[in-house]
Amino acid sequence: MNPCLKLLASVWLLLASGWAVGYPSDWTNYNPSSTDAVRDTTIGSTQQLLEQRGTVECIACHGETNDQYSGVINTIDITQQTMAAAMSCMDWELRGACVWMSCVVPPICTFTTSIKVKNFVPDLVVQSYDRANGEPWTESQDINQVSQGTSDSSWVTTMISWVENYNVTEVRGGQSNEAVKNDHVNLDFKLVDAYGNPALIAYNAMATGLFGMVCSGRSFPFFPYYISNLDSIAWRWNLPELFYPQSWAVGVPAYNLGTMTNNYGSIFPRMGFLTQADGLKSAVLTSFRAMHFITRTFEPHLYFSIGQPSEDGYWPAGPLDQNDKDTGVFQMLYPDNESSCAQFPMSAMPGPSKRSSDGSYVWNFWKAYKCCQRVGQTLVWHSG
């Protein structure tokens, strides 16, 4: 037989075999030629099929409207844990001096000096979790539930329906680990939110009372800088980052969180889905992904940036970079109450105390700032 005909025959047999065994027999209305039928059938029966194959952690429970979950940490806990770690995490340094000029009637001017310091500020509380009504930070639940419906916010749901013609009432989130011997699927999905740290009220009061010896923060306590369920098109559907070159640079160290021997996964695309067998590492990576764009401006997500330009007397560190400690360190608040901060990723084998039994994780995000007290009209020189 002609080699070309052999190739065509082989391809046809493979396709025919796929059609014959590629879907369960109970899909009576399944039509491979209809994308709508394929979509609705697969989405509608995914949960049922997974339950038949093994234990499933919280796919259908995403967005439970009658959920009475009360969270695992509250505002008082966060404030106390943040302030308890302040002396360690702020990492205070004396960096130099600033010279200020004040002119009443030029050229009659006076010069005054103030010290320049550097310290970390607890800008945000970041939470990574599995269920839309299962936010680990108790007080964040009310804000989130006002902002979103059973699966997504109403306007995002409308957008998805319009763009994809998707049956969004069947779209759920959460974590899927199928407990079947020799058939373990590690597709994971995490929701991530970032709120202004409530401890900033106490922290900034302390900084103000020290008269320029400590840099204060400028994030707004409790303000929702990012709610992933409102960012569904980017966080769930991976648009437009699917088309970023970084998203296809598999194995490139610059686009992976960690090292060759301790790799938590790819930073891009910055979405909630990932392939990871370790729930803690999933939470670390998705939290890092969210903070990666929250610390930047003009990124293709729905968020409020904490990235700030420098100004006289106040110099924020740059966007989050795993190779630059000043751009961001993390303090675990739940499940472990850490009294120190560290860069992401964590170790290759985090201990049991770092692992949550419910898939919820909460961190403080600390970022470095340099500042000097303004004691004049114009900054004319500074060091450090």
Protein backbone atom coordinates (compact mmCIF):
# COMPACT_ATOMS: atom_id res chain seq x y z
CA MET A 1 0.00 0.00 0.00
CA ASN A 2 1.12 3.53 -0.69
CA PRO A 3 2.84 5.01 2.45
CA CYS A 4 0.58 8.08 2.32
CA LEU A 5 -2.52 5.88 2.24
CA LYS A 6 -1.16 3.88 5.18
CA LEU A 7 -0.71 7.09 7.16
CA LEU A 8 -4.21 8.32 6.36
CA ALA A 9 -5.70 4.95 7.28
CA SER A 10 -3.86 4.93 10.61
CA VAL A 11 -5.05 8.45 11.47
CA TRP A 12 -8.63 7.51 10.56
CA LEU A 13 -8.50 4.41 12.78
CA LEU A 14 -7.17 6.43 15.71
CA LEU A 15 -9.92 9.00 15.34
CA ALA A 16 -12.56 6.32 15.00
CA SER A 17 -11.28 4.61 18.13
CA GLY A 18 -11.40 7.88 20.02
CA TRP A 19 -15.01 8.44 19.01
CA ALA A 20 -15.91 4.88 20.01
CA VAL A 21 -14.45 4.90 23.53
CA GLY A 22 -13.79 8.55 24.24
CA TYR A 23 -16.99 9.21 26.22
CA PRO A 24 -19.18 7.27 28.66
CA SER A 25 -22.13 5.29 27.37
CA ASP A 26 -24.56 7.23 29.55
CA TRP A 27 -23.94 10.41 27.53
CA THR A 28 -27.01 9.76 25.40
CA ASN A 29 -27.14 13.24 23.88
CA TYR A 30 -23.43 13.46 23.18
CA ASN A 31 -22.61 14.63 19.67
CA PRO A 32 -18.87 14.97 18.85
CA SER A 33 -19.63 17.33 15.98
CA SER A 34 -21.42 19.82 18.24
CA THR A 35 -19.12 21.88 20.47
CA ASP A 36 -22.09 23.07 22.53
CA ALA A 37 -23.17 19.50 23.27
CA VAL A 38 -19.64 18.44 24.14
CA ARG A 39 -19.17 21.41 26.43
CA ASP A 40 -22.45 21.08 28.33
CA THR A 41 -22.14 17.32 28.71
CA THR A 42 -18.56 17.30 29.95
CA ILE A 43 -19.05 20.18 32.37
CA GLY A 44 -22.34 18.83 33.67
CA SER A 45 -21.05 15.35 34.48
CA THR A 46 -17.46 16.09 35.55
CA GLN A 47 -18.28 16.12 39.25
CA GLN A 48 -20.28 12.88 39.03
CA LEU A 49 -17.54 11.07 37.12
CA LEU A 50 -14.83 12.22 39.52
CA GLU A 51 -16.86 11.05 42.51
CA GLN A 52 -17.20 7.64 40.88
CA ARG A 53 -13.45 7.42 40.34
CA GLY A 54 -12.30 8.54 43.79
CA THR A 55 -12.46 11.16 46.50
CA VAL A 56 -12.78 14.72 45.33
CA GLU A 57 -12.04 17.80 47.39
CA CYS A 58 -14.53 20.55 46.89
CA ILE A 59 -15.28 21.01 43.21
CA ALA A 60 -19.06 21.33 43.34
CA CYS A 61 -19.02 23.12 46.69
CA HIS A 62 -17.51 26.25 45.16
CA GLY A 63 -19.93 29.11 45.63
CA GLU A 64 -22.30 27.50 48.09
CA THR A 65 -24.89 30.16 48.86
CA ASN A 66 -25.96 28.51 52.13
CA ASP A 67 -22.43 28.03 53.41
CA GLN A 68 -22.10 28.75 57.14
CA TYR A 69 -18.30 28.59 57.15
CA SER A 70 -17.00 31.14 59.64
CA GLY A 71 -13.35 31.25 58.63
CA VAL A 72 -10.20 30.25 60.48
CA ILE A 73 -8.69 33.64 61.36
CA ASN A 74 -10.17 37.03 62.20
CA THR A 75 -9.04 40.65 62.17
CA ILE A 76 -7.92 40.64 65.80
CA ASP A 77 -5.77 37.55 65.17
CA ILE A 78 -4.20 39.13 62.09
CA THR A 79 -3.43 42.38 63.89
CA GLN A 80 -1.92 40.63 66.90
CA GLN A 81 0.20 38.27 64.81
CA THR A 82 1.39 41.08 62.57
CA MET A 83 2.46 43.34 65.41
CA ALA A 84 4.06 40.42 67.27
CA ALA A 85 6.29 39.82 64.24
CA ALA A 86 6.96 43.50 63.55
CA MET A 87 10.39 43.68 65.18
CA SER A 88 11.56 40.69 63.16
CA CYS A 89 9.83 41.32 59.83
CA MET A 90 10.35 45.09 59.57
CA ASP A 91 14.13 44.49 59.38
CA TRP A 92 14.92 48.11 60.24
CA GLU A 93 18.12 49.70 58.88
CA LEU A 94 19.75 53.12 59.13
CA ARG A 95 20.66 53.89 55.53
CA GLY A 96 21.88 57.48 55.31
CA ALA A 97 20.69 61.07 55.44
CA CYS A 98 18.49 63.55 53.59
CA VAL A 99 19.18 67.26 53.21
CA TRP A 100 16.16 69.54 52.84
CA MET A 101 16.07 73.16 51.75
CA SER A 102 13.53 75.77 52.81
CA CYS A 103 13.49 79.23 51.27
CA VAL A 104 11.46 82.10 52.71
CA VAL A 105 12.69 84.72 50.28
CA PRO A 106 15.31 83.38 47.82
CA PRO A 107 18.21 83.41 48.05
CA ILE A 108 17.67 83.32 51.80
CA CYS A 109 17.41 79.58 52.43
CA THR A 110 17.99 77.20 55.30
CA PHE A 111 19.10 73.58 55.18
CA THR A 112 17.94 70.84 57.53
CA THR A 113 19.02 67.22 57.78
CA SER A 114 16.97 64.12 58.62
CA ILE A 115 18.01 60.49 58.77
CA LYS A 116 17.14 58.00 56.05
CA VAL A 117 15.89 54.58 57.14
CA LYS A 118 14.66 51.40 55.54
CA ASN A 119 12.12 48.92 56.85
CA PHE A 120 9.47 46.49 55.67
CA VAL A 121 5.77 47.33 55.91
CA PRO A 122 2.88 44.78 56.19
CA ASP A 123 0.99 46.08 53.16
CA LEU A 124 -1.44 43.25 52.45
CA VAL A 125 -3.10 40.12 53.78
CA VAL A 126 -3.13 37.43 51.08
CA GLN A 127 -5.40 34.41 51.32
CA SER A 128 -5.45 31.33 49.09
CA TYR A 129 -8.37 28.92 49.39
CA ASP A 130 -10.65 26.49 47.55
CA ARG A 131 -14.22 27.69 47.97
CA ALA A 132 -15.86 30.95 46.96
CA ASN A 133 -17.77 31.16 50.25
CA GLY A 134 -14.93 29.66 52.25
CA GLU A 135 -12.64 32.64 52.77
CA PRO A 136 -10.29 31.88 55.67
CA TRP A 137 -10.29 35.51 56.91
CA THR A 138 -13.71 35.84 58.54
CA GLU A 139 -14.27 39.56 57.97
CA SER A 140 -13.43 39.31 54.27
CA GLN A 141 -16.38 37.00 53.63
CA ASP A 142 -19.02 39.73 53.74
CA ILE A 143 -17.18 41.90 51.21
CA ASN A 144 -16.56 38.97 48.90
CA GLN A 145 -20.12 37.71 49.05
CA VAL A 146 -21.48 41.13 48.19
CA SER A 147 -19.13 41.24 45.20
CA GLN A 148 -19.81 37.81 43.74
CA GLY A 149 -22.63 35.42 42.97
CA THR A 150 -22.76 31.68 43.28
CA SER A 151 -19.93 31.15 40.85
CA ASP A 152 -18.73 34.58 39.82
CA SER A 153 -19.82 38.18 40.05
CA SER A 154 -22.93 38.85 38.00
CA TRP A 155 -21.21 41.07 35.48
CA VAL A 156 -18.31 38.65 34.99
CA THR A 157 -20.81 35.83 34.59
CA THR A 158 -22.58 37.88 31.94
CA MET A 159 -19.26 38.53 30.18
CA ILE A 160 -18.35 34.85 30.13
CA SER A 161 -21.80 33.92 28.86
CA TRP A 162 -21.52 36.48 26.10
CA VAL A 163 -17.96 35.66 25.06
CA GLU A 164 -18.05 31.87 25.41
CA ASN A 165 -21.79 31.09 25.42
CA TYR A 166 -20.90 28.96 28.42
CA ASN A 167 -23.34 27.38 30.83
CA VAL A 168 -21.79 29.28 33.72
CA THR A 169 -24.20 27.86 36.28
CA GLU A 170 -22.27 24.60 35.93
CA VAL A 171 -18.82 26.17 36.26
CA ARG A 172 -17.23 25.54 39.64
CA GLY A 173 -13.83 25.89 41.21
CA GLY A 174 -11.80 24.18 43.89
CA GLN A 175 -9.35 21.34 44.12
CA SER A 176 -9.48 18.01 42.33
CA ASN A 177 -7.22 15.20 43.49
CA GLU A 178 -8.51 11.83 42.38
CA ALA A 179 -7.54 9.05 44.76
CA VAL A 180 -7.20 6.20 42.29
CA LYS A 181 -4.18 3.93 42.32
CA ASN A 182 -1.85 4.60 39.40
CA ASP A 183 -4.23 7.28 38.13
CA HIS A 184 -3.62 10.46 40.12
CA VAL A 185 -4.63 13.71 38.44
CA ASN A 186 -3.12 16.79 40.06
CA LEU A 187 -5.12 19.59 38.49
CA ASP A 188 -5.55 22.21 41.19
CA PHE A 189 -7.40 25.51 41.35
CA LYS A 190 -7.04 28.20 44.01
CA LEU A 191 -8.88 31.42 44.67
CA VAL A 192 -6.69 34.26 45.94
CA ASP A 193 -7.67 37.56 47.56
CA ALA A 194 -5.49 40.42 48.77
CA TYR A 195 -6.74 43.00 51.26
CA GLY A 196 -5.12 45.97 52.93
CA ASN A 197 -3.69 44.77 56.22
CA PRO A 198 -5.86 45.80 59.21
CA ALA A 199 -2.68 45.93 61.32
CA LEU A 200 -1.59 49.00 59.35
CA ILE A 201 -3.73 51.10 61.68
CA ALA A 202 -1.55 50.12 64.65
CA TYR A 203 1.64 49.91 62.58
CA ASN A 204 1.29 53.41 61.14
CA ALA A 205 0.43 54.82 64.55
CA MET A 206 3.68 53.35 65.83
CA ALA A 207 5.62 54.76 62.86
CA THR A 208 4.12 58.24 63.33
CA GLY A 209 5.01 58.21 67.01
CA LEU A 210 8.66 57.52 66.20
CA PHE A 211 9.06 60.79 64.24
CA GLY A 212 10.55 59.53 61.01
CA MET A 213 12.48 56.62 62.48
CA VAL A 214 10.14 54.10 60.80
CA CYS A 215 8.55 54.24 57.33
CA SER A 216 4.77 53.98 57.39
CA GLY A 217 2.60 52.11 54.90
CA ARG A 218 0.24 53.65 52.39
CA SER A 219 -2.09 50.73 51.70
CA PHE A 220 -5.64 51.14 52.98
CA PRO A 221 -6.65 48.69 55.74
CA PHE A 222 -9.40 46.26 54.66
CA PHE A 223 -9.41 47.61 51.10
CA PRO A 224 -9.92 44.78 48.53
CA TYR A 225 -6.92 45.19 46.24
CA TYR A 226 -7.69 41.92 44.54
CA ILE A 227 -10.55 39.38 44.56
CA SER A 228 -9.82 36.59 42.11
CA ASN A 229 -13.48 35.70 41.69
CA LEU A 230 -14.03 39.14 40.17
CA ASP A 231 -11.11 38.52 37.82
CA SER A 232 -12.60 35.36 36.34
CA ILE A 233 -11.71 35.96 32.71
CA ALA A 234 -8.00 36.20 33.55
CA TRP A 235 -7.86 34.03 36.70
CA ARG A 236 -9.99 31.17 35.37
CA TRP A 237 -9.84 31.45 31.62
CA ASN A 238 -6.22 32.54 31.30
CA LEU A 239 -6.91 35.42 28.93
CA PRO A 240 -4.90 37.13 27.58
CA GLU A 241 -1.85 35.65 29.33
CA LEU A 242 -2.31 32.39 27.44
CA PHE A 243 -0.66 34.19 24.53
CA TYR A 244 2.27 35.61 26.53
CA PRO A 245 5.67 34.19 25.50
CA GLN A 246 6.43 33.67 29.21
CA SER A 247 3.49 31.26 29.46
CA TRP A 248 5.12 28.96 26.94
CA ALA A 249 8.65 29.20 28.34
CA VAL A 250 8.42 25.90 30.18
CA GLY A 251 11.45 25.20 32.33
CA VAL A 252 13.01 28.66 31.95
CA PRO A 253 14.34 29.52 35.44
CA ALA A 254 13.42 33.20 35.17
CA TYR A 255 9.73 32.31 34.87
CA ASN A 256 9.61 29.62 37.55
CA LEU A 257 9.19 30.07 41.29
CA GLY A 258 12.14 28.37 42.88
CA THR A 259 15.17 26.53 41.60
CA MET A 260 15.86 23.37 39.65
CA THR A 261 15.90 21.37 42.91
CA ASN A 262 13.01 23.23 44.56
CA ASN A 263 10.63 24.27 41.79
CA TYR A 264 7.11 25.26 42.84
CA GLY A 265 5.95 25.77 39.26
CA SER A 266 5.62 28.35 36.52
CA ILE A 267 4.82 31.96 37.44
CA PHE A 268 3.13 32.49 34.09
CA PRO A 269 0.34 32.32 33.18
CA ARG A 270 -0.77 34.09 36.35
CA MET A 271 -4.02 32.23 36.94
CA GLY A 272 -5.65 29.96 39.53
CA PHE A 273 -5.12 26.66 37.73
CA LEU A 274 -1.92 24.67 38.05
CA THR A 275 -0.65 21.11 38.08
CA GLN A 276 0.54 20.37 41.59
CA ALA A 277 0.14 17.43 43.96
CA ASP A 278 1.01 19.50 47.04
CA GLY A 279 -1.80 21.80 48.22
CA LEU A 280 0.60 24.02 50.16
CA LYS A 281 2.78 24.57 47.12
CA SER A 282 -0.35 25.38 45.09
CA ALA A 283 -1.26 28.07 47.62
CA VAL A 284 2.27 29.49 47.61
CA LEU A 285 2.47 29.66 43.83
CA THR A 286 -0.99 31.16 43.27
CA SER A 287 -0.39 33.74 46.02
CA PHE A 288 2.92 34.66 44.41
CA ARG A 289 1.24 34.93 41.00
CA ALA A 290 -1.35 37.34 42.39
CA MET A 291 1.21 39.47 44.21
CA HIS A 292 3.34 39.48 41.07
CA PHE A 293 0.80 41.62 39.21
CA ILE A 294 -0.65 43.46 42.22
CA THR A 295 2.77 45.03 42.78
CA ARG A 296 2.83 46.12 39.15
CA THR A 297 0.70 48.52 37.12
CA PHE A 298 -1.26 48.08 33.89
CA GLU A 299 -1.42 44.28 34.07
CA PRO A 300 -4.28 42.38 32.31
CA HIS A 301 -6.22 41.67 35.52
CA LEU A 302 -8.95 43.37 37.53
CA TYR A 303 -7.12 44.70 40.58
CA PHE A 304 -5.82 47.76 42.39
CA SER A 305 -2.04 48.04 42.32
CA ILE A 306 0.09 48.78 45.37
CA GLY A 307 2.94 49.74 43.07
CA GLN A 308 3.90 53.32 43.84
CA PRO A 309 6.34 55.74 42.24
CA SER A 310 9.12 57.20 44.34
CA GLU A 311 8.77 60.71 45.69
CA ASP A 312 10.93 63.03 47.75
CA GLY A 313 11.44 61.39 51.11
CA TYR A 314 9.67 58.11 50.26
CA TRP A 315 11.10 55.31 48.12
CA PRO A 316 9.12 52.04 47.74
CA ALA A 317 10.84 48.88 46.55
CA GLY A 318 10.06 47.67 43.04
CA PRO A 319 7.60 44.99 41.88
CA LEU A 320 7.76 41.53 43.42
CA ASP A 321 10.82 39.59 42.30
CA GLN A 322 11.82 36.29 43.88
CA ASN A 323 15.48 37.27 43.51
CA ASP A 324 15.11 40.56 45.40
CA LYS A 325 14.09 40.32 49.04
CA ASP A 326 13.20 44.01 49.26
CA THR A 327 10.33 43.55 46.80
CA GLY A 328 8.41 41.25 49.10
CA VAL A 329 8.54 38.69 51.90
CA PHE A 330 5.75 36.61 53.42
CA GLN A 331 4.69 35.81 56.98
CA MET A 332 2.37 32.83 57.38
CA LEU A 333 -0.65 33.60 59.56
CA TYR A 334 -2.55 30.35 59.00
CA PRO A 335 -2.23 27.43 59.49
CA ASP A 336 1.01 28.30 61.28
CA ASN A 337 1.50 31.50 63.25
CA GLU A 338 4.96 32.57 62.12
CA SER A 339 6.89 35.27 63.95
CA SER A 340 9.28 35.92 61.06
CA CYS A 341 9.18 36.57 57.33
CA ALA A 342 10.77 34.84 54.37
CA GLN A 343 10.82 34.98 50.60
CA PHE A 344 8.80 32.61 48.47
CA PRO A 345 9.19 29.79 47.65
CA MET A 346 9.30 27.88 50.89
CA SER A 347 11.52 24.85 51.38
CA ALA A 348 11.26 21.77 49.20
CA MET A 349 9.60 19.80 52.01
CA PRO A 350 7.64 22.13 54.35
CA GLY A 351 6.83 20.62 57.73
CA PRO A 352 3.39 19.43 58.92
CA SER A 353 2.75 22.66 60.86
CA LYS A 354 2.74 24.58 57.58
CA ARG A 355 0.05 22.41 56.02
CA SER A 356 -3.63 23.20 56.22
CA SER A 357 -6.26 20.49 56.59
CA ASP A 358 -8.91 22.56 54.80
CA GLY A 359 -6.91 23.96 51.87
CA SER A 360 -6.87 27.50 53.31
CA TYR A 361 -3.71 29.56 53.70
CA VAL A 362 -3.17 33.14 54.87
CA TRP A 363 -0.02 35.26 54.69
CA ASN A 364 1.06 38.80 55.40
CA PHE A 365 2.89 40.45 52.54
CA TRP A 366 5.70 42.74 53.71
CA LYS A 367 7.47 45.10 51.33
CA ALA A 368 10.53 47.32 51.89
CA TYR A 369 10.43 51.11 51.90
CA LYS A 370 13.08 53.77 52.39
CA CYS A 371 12.11 57.12 53.82
CA CYS A 372 13.27 60.21 55.63
CA GLN A 373 11.21 62.72 57.55
CA ARG A 374 10.29 65.80 55.55
CA VAL A 375 11.83 68.75 57.38
CA GLY A 376 11.97 71.23 54.51
CA GLN A 377 10.40 72.30 51.25
CA THR A 378 12.74 70.61 48.77
CA LEU A 379 14.94 67.54 48.96
CA VAL A 380 18.32 68.58 47.60
CA TRP A 381 20.44 65.54 48.48
CA HIS A 382 20.17 62.09 50.02
CA SER A 383 22.36 59.03 50.54
CA GLY A 384 21.72 55.34 51.10
